[in-house]
């Protein structure tokens, strides 16, 4: 349906919109965005995530707790180590698209448009997966 022909009945209900705003709010933090990007294709422990995002394990643990409450990440325990992973691909897609939008906002040709055809397909496939 075209955006100019939508009626209020075509739009998601207020509760879903409110929840979407909460998701955006949860992702409105640089460390949490980096955590989502780090977990895009793999699971990592807190110490590995801390090294990847350049923050202390304590700080990363606090962010992971918030992401768990929002059901964006889940855990798997292996002995004494806890591994984190994204619950599904949606947070990764949101963050990837936000990065793409940011590339457009800074001007010039965005990096995701400069990639070789195979690389561009991989980015698109990754965002669409």
Protein backbone atom coordinates (compact mmCIF):
# COMPACT_ATOMS: atom_id res chain seq x y z
CA UNK A 1 0.00 0.00 0.00
CA UNK A 2 1.27 3.50 -0.77
CA UNK A 3 2.12 5.76 2.16
CA UNK A 4 -0.09 8.56 0.82
CA UNK A 5 -3.16 6.29 0.80
CA UNK A 6 -2.77 4.82 4.29
CA UNK A 7 -5.48 5.41 6.83
CA UNK A 8 -5.08 5.32 10.61
CA UNK A 9 -6.61 1.83 10.50
CA UNK A 10 -3.68 0.65 8.35
CA UNK A 11 -1.09 1.69 10.93
CA UNK A 12 0.07 -0.56 13.77
CA UNK A 13 -1.78 -0.20 17.05
CA UNK A 14 -0.64 2.14 19.80
CA UNK A 15 0.77 -0.64 21.96
CA UNK A 16 3.02 -1.90 19.14
CA UNK A 17 4.18 1.63 18.38
CA UNK A 18 4.96 2.19 22.06
CA UNK A 19 6.96 -1.05 22.17
CA UNK A 20 8.83 -0.06 19.00
CA UNK A 21 9.76 3.23 20.66
CA UNK A 22 11.09 1.26 23.64
CA UNK A 23 13.23 -0.86 21.30
CA UNK A 24 14.65 2.26 19.65
CA UNK A 25 15.29 3.72 23.10
CA UNK A 26 17.13 0.55 24.13
CA UNK A 27 19.30 0.77 21.02
CA UNK A 28 19.97 4.51 21.50
CA UNK A 29 23.29 3.86 23.20
CA UNK A 30 26.65 3.53 21.45
CA UNK A 31 27.84 0.62 23.58
CA UNK A 32 24.62 -1.34 23.04
CA UNK A 33 24.82 -0.70 19.28
CA UNK A 34 28.40 -2.01 19.32
CA UNK A 35 27.28 -5.07 21.31
CA UNK A 36 24.55 -5.83 18.77
CA UNK A 37 27.04 -5.46 15.92
CA UNK A 38 29.55 -7.70 17.71
CA UNK A 39 26.88 -10.37 18.20
CA UNK A 40 25.59 -10.13 14.62
CA UNK A 41 26.96 -13.49 13.49
CA UNK A 42 28.24 -15.17 16.64
CA UNK A 43 27.91 -15.60 20.34
CA UNK A 44 30.46 -14.13 22.73
CA UNK A 45 31.28 -14.12 26.42
CA UNK A 46 31.22 -10.90 28.45
CA UNK A 47 35.02 -10.70 28.41
CA UNK A 48 35.17 -11.20 24.64
CA UNK A 49 32.43 -8.60 24.14
CA UNK A 50 34.23 -6.16 26.45
CA UNK A 51 37.43 -6.51 24.42
CA UNK A 52 35.51 -6.15 21.15
CA UNK A 53 33.60 -3.00 22.14
CA UNK A 54 36.41 -1.45 24.18
CA UNK A 55 34.57 -1.26 27.51
CA UNK A 56 35.07 -2.90 30.88
CA UNK A 57 33.39 -6.26 31.51
CA UNK A 58 31.33 -4.63 34.29
CA UNK A 59 30.01 -1.94 31.94
CA UNK A 60 29.24 -4.50 29.22
CA UNK A 61 27.44 -6.69 31.76
CA UNK A 62 25.16 -3.79 32.67
CA UNK A 63 24.32 -3.17 29.01
CA UNK A 64 23.74 -6.89 28.43
CA UNK A 65 21.33 -6.99 31.38
CA UNK A 66 19.26 -4.24 29.75
CA UNK A 67 19.37 -6.00 26.38
CA UNK A 68 18.24 -9.23 28.05
CA UNK A 69 15.30 -7.47 29.71
CA UNK A 70 14.32 -6.12 26.30
CA UNK A 71 14.60 -9.67 24.87
CA UNK A 72 17.22 -8.57 22.35
CA UNK A 73 19.92 -10.97 23.61
CA UNK A 74 19.80 -14.34 25.29
CA UNK A 75 22.38 -16.46 27.08
CA UNK A 76 23.89 -19.90 27.02
CA UNK A 77 25.96 -21.20 29.90
CA UNK A 78 28.97 -23.45 29.34
CA UNK A 79 30.43 -24.39 32.70
CA UNK A 80 31.21 -21.12 34.44
CA UNK A 81 31.17 -19.04 31.26
CA UNK A 82 28.05 -17.33 29.93
CA UNK A 83 27.75 -16.66 26.22
CA UNK A 84 25.47 -14.04 24.71
CA UNK A 85 23.75 -14.07 21.33
CA UNK A 86 21.04 -12.10 19.58
CA UNK A 87 17.57 -13.57 20.06
CA UNK A 88 16.77 -13.04 16.38
CA UNK A 89 17.97 -11.02 13.39
CA UNK A 90 15.72 -7.99 13.91
CA UNK A 91 17.97 -5.94 16.23
CA UNK A 92 20.89 -6.62 13.87
CA UNK A 93 18.81 -5.40 10.94
CA UNK A 94 17.75 -2.25 12.79
CA UNK A 95 21.33 -1.41 13.75
CA UNK A 96 22.68 -2.23 10.27
CA UNK A 97 20.06 -0.02 8.62
CA UNK A 98 20.81 2.78 11.11
CA UNK A 99 24.50 2.55 10.21
CA UNK A 100 23.57 2.69 6.52
CA UNK A 101 21.39 5.75 7.18
CA UNK A 102 24.26 7.37 9.11
CA UNK A 103 26.55 6.78 6.11
CA UNK A 104 24.05 8.67 3.94
CA UNK A 105 23.82 11.49 6.49
CA UNK A 106 27.56 12.23 6.43
CA UNK A 107 27.47 12.92 2.68
CA UNK A 108 29.35 11.52 -0.26
CA UNK A 109 28.83 8.00 -1.49
CA UNK A 110 28.00 5.74 1.46
CA UNK A 111 30.43 2.92 2.10
CA UNK A 112 27.70 0.31 1.60
CA UNK A 113 27.21 1.67 -1.94
CA UNK A 114 30.96 1.60 -2.67
CA UNK A 115 31.36 -2.11 -1.99
CA UNK A 116 32.17 -4.44 -4.85
CA UNK A 117 29.01 -6.12 -6.24
CA UNK A 118 29.58 -9.34 -4.27
CA UNK A 119 30.32 -7.34 -1.11
CA UNK A 120 27.23 -5.17 -1.62
CA UNK A 121 25.11 -8.30 -2.03
CA UNK A 122 26.56 -9.71 1.18
CA UNK A 123 25.66 -6.50 3.05
CA UNK A 124 22.17 -6.56 1.62
CA UNK A 125 21.76 -10.26 2.29
CA UNK A 126 22.99 -9.71 5.83
CA UNK A 127 20.53 -6.87 6.39
CA UNK A 128 17.67 -8.84 4.83
CA UNK A 129 18.42 -12.19 6.50
